[in-house]
Every structure is written in structure tokens, then in C-alpha cells.
Amino acid sequence: MIGSGDEIAIEYEYLLKSHVVTPRDKPAWVAFTFGPWALAQTTDGSAAIVEPFIGKDVPRAAASHWLEPHASPDGALPTFRVKNTDILLGPFYSAGSVVTGPRTYFRLAPPEDM
């Protein structure tokens, strides 16, 4: 029985997952989640959109093959960097601003389909 002053610690092990969408007549896309969080990039309206997964076989590899943990600015939010890029992904609710928006999906189509 829990009494006054008792504390309970709840610990979860979140899994990093990729989610691929392959519409029949459109290019394929990939998004990532970490436990209950959809991961998103904060976009900058002045910067060109980089598609780091074009032509790569993302569906056959674990999400950890494409993303690596990255220290968040405040140390509290889970943050991941797309390997070999400067693209950072964090929880959707923390991405974007009044000027920019969050980006959750990345193209998988080969360059000739763009």
C-alpha cells in the first residue's frame, strides 16, 4: 500500500522507429518516432530543404541506422541528428515557431522521380 510521502518511479524504454509511406502513384516518404513522440525538424524559411534519404533503402534498415542521439540545447528533450547531416529532429510539439513550421516527413524517391 502506498502511504503519505511514498514515491513511485515510472520508467519507460522508448524505441526509435521509422514509418514509411508508399502511396501507389506518388514518391515514398519516411517519418520517425521515439516512443510516443513524432519527431520533427524545425524548418527555416530561408534555407533550402535537404532530402537526406533520397535513393536510400530506409525501409530495410533500423531507424538507428539513420538517426543518432544528439544533445538538446536544454538537455531535457530527446533530440536526434540525421547521420551525416546538420538536420536535428526533436518532439513535434517543440518544433517550429510563428515564422517556421515543423517538418515530419522526408522523401525516399530516387532523384529522377523528383
Protein backbone atom coordinates (compact mmCIF):
# COMPACT_ATOMS: atom_id res chain seq x y z
CA MET A 1 0.00 0.00 0.00
CA ILE A 2 1.23 3.46 -0.82
CA GLY A 3 1.39 5.84 2.08
CA SER A 4 1.92 9.55 2.52
CA GLY A 5 5.40 10.57 1.40
CA ASP A 6 5.96 7.43 -0.71
CA GLU A 7 7.29 7.98 -4.21
CA ILE A 8 6.78 5.89 -7.31
CA ALA A 9 9.22 5.95 -10.22
CA ILE A 10 7.89 5.02 -13.65
CA GLU A 11 10.50 4.29 -16.27
CA TYR A 12 9.88 3.68 -19.96
CA GLU A 13 12.19 2.43 -22.63
CA TYR A 14 11.29 4.34 -25.78
CA LEU A 15 12.07 2.80 -29.14
CA LEU A 16 13.25 4.77 -32.15
CA LYS A 17 11.18 3.72 -35.19
CA SER A 18 10.87 4.68 -38.85
CA HIS A 19 7.49 4.83 -40.58
CA VAL A 20 7.45 4.55 -44.38
CA VAL A 21 4.50 5.68 -46.50
CA THR A 22 4.44 4.38 -50.07
CA PRO A 23 1.47 5.78 -51.99
CA ARG A 24 0.77 3.93 -55.22
CA ASP A 25 1.25 6.87 -57.59
CA LYS A 26 3.48 9.17 -55.50
CA PRO A 27 7.03 9.13 -54.12
CA ALA A 28 7.62 7.30 -50.84
CA TRP A 29 8.18 9.19 -47.57
CA VAL A 30 9.67 8.35 -44.17
CA ALA A 31 8.96 9.76 -40.71
CA PHE A 32 10.42 8.85 -37.32
CA THR A 33 9.04 8.38 -33.82
CA PHE A 34 10.69 7.99 -30.44
CA GLY A 35 8.27 6.29 -28.09
CA PRO A 36 5.09 8.37 -28.11
CA TRP A 37 6.72 11.36 -29.82
CA ALA A 38 6.57 12.10 -33.54
CA LEU A 39 9.97 13.58 -34.41
CA ALA A 40 10.15 16.79 -36.42
CA GLN A 41 12.68 19.24 -37.83
CA THR A 42 12.25 22.97 -37.28
CA THR A 43 12.46 24.42 -40.77
CA ASP A 44 13.94 27.77 -41.67
CA GLY A 45 12.01 29.50 -44.42
CA SER A 46 15.21 30.91 -45.92
CA ALA A 47 17.11 27.60 -46.12
CA ALA A 48 16.74 25.04 -48.90
CA ILE A 49 15.01 21.82 -47.91
CA VAL A 50 17.51 18.95 -47.76
CA GLU A 51 16.27 15.44 -48.55
CA PRO A 52 18.85 13.17 -46.84
CA PHE A 53 17.16 9.85 -47.71
CA ILE A 54 16.73 10.15 -51.49
CA GLY A 55 17.63 6.84 -53.10
CA LYS A 56 18.42 5.11 -49.77
CA ASP A 57 16.77 1.89 -48.64
CA VAL A 58 15.33 3.23 -45.38
CA PRO A 59 12.57 0.59 -45.00
CA ARG A 60 15.10 -2.24 -44.73
CA ALA A 61 17.27 -0.65 -42.01
CA ALA A 62 16.54 0.11 -38.36
CA ALA A 63 15.82 3.77 -37.60
CA SER A 64 19.00 3.89 -35.51
CA HIS A 65 20.92 3.29 -38.75
CA TRP A 66 19.77 6.75 -39.93
CA LEU A 67 19.48 8.76 -36.69
CA GLU A 68 21.87 9.23 -33.80
CA PRO A 69 21.24 10.77 -30.37
CA HIS A 70 22.21 14.43 -30.10
CA ALA A 71 22.43 16.67 -27.03
CA SER A 72 19.43 19.00 -26.99
CA PRO A 73 20.00 22.71 -26.23
CA ASP A 74 18.16 22.47 -22.90
CA GLY A 75 19.16 18.87 -22.15
CA ALA A 76 15.57 17.87 -21.43
CA LEU A 77 14.12 16.94 -24.83
CA PRO A 78 15.13 13.87 -26.82
CA THR A 79 16.96 15.07 -29.92
CA PHE A 80 18.37 13.11 -32.84
CA ARG A 81 20.61 14.11 -35.74
CA VAL A 82 20.13 12.60 -39.18
CA LYS A 83 23.53 10.97 -39.69
CA ASN A 84 25.96 12.84 -41.96
CA THR A 85 23.77 15.98 -41.95
CA ASP A 86 23.01 19.02 -39.81
CA ILE A 87 19.31 18.06 -39.59
CA LEU A 88 18.07 17.79 -36.00
CA LEU A 89 14.81 16.10 -35.04
CA GLY A 90 13.00 16.57 -31.76
CA PRO A 91 9.46 16.10 -30.46
CA PHE A 92 6.87 17.57 -32.85
CA TYR A 93 5.35 19.77 -30.15
CA SER A 94 8.67 21.59 -29.71
CA ALA A 95 9.46 22.11 -33.43
CA GLY A 96 8.59 25.20 -35.42
CA SER A 97 7.75 28.74 -34.44
CA VAL A 98 5.38 31.51 -35.52
CA VAL A 99 7.64 32.08 -38.54
CA THR A 100 8.60 28.50 -39.46
CA GLY A 101 6.96 25.13 -39.26
CA PRO A 102 7.79 21.59 -38.29
CA ARG A 103 8.77 19.03 -40.91
CA THR A 104 7.99 15.40 -40.11
CA TYR A 105 8.30 13.54 -43.44
CA PHE A 106 11.32 13.09 -45.73
CA ARG A 107 11.24 11.90 -49.35
CA LEU A 108 12.61 8.50 -50.31
CA ALA A 109 12.12 8.75 -54.08
CA PRO A 110 15.17 8.42 -56.29
CA PRO A 111 16.44 11.75 -57.77
CA GLU A 112 14.98 11.05 -61.25
CA ASP A 113 11.47 10.94 -59.72
CA MET A 114 11.71 14.43 -58.23
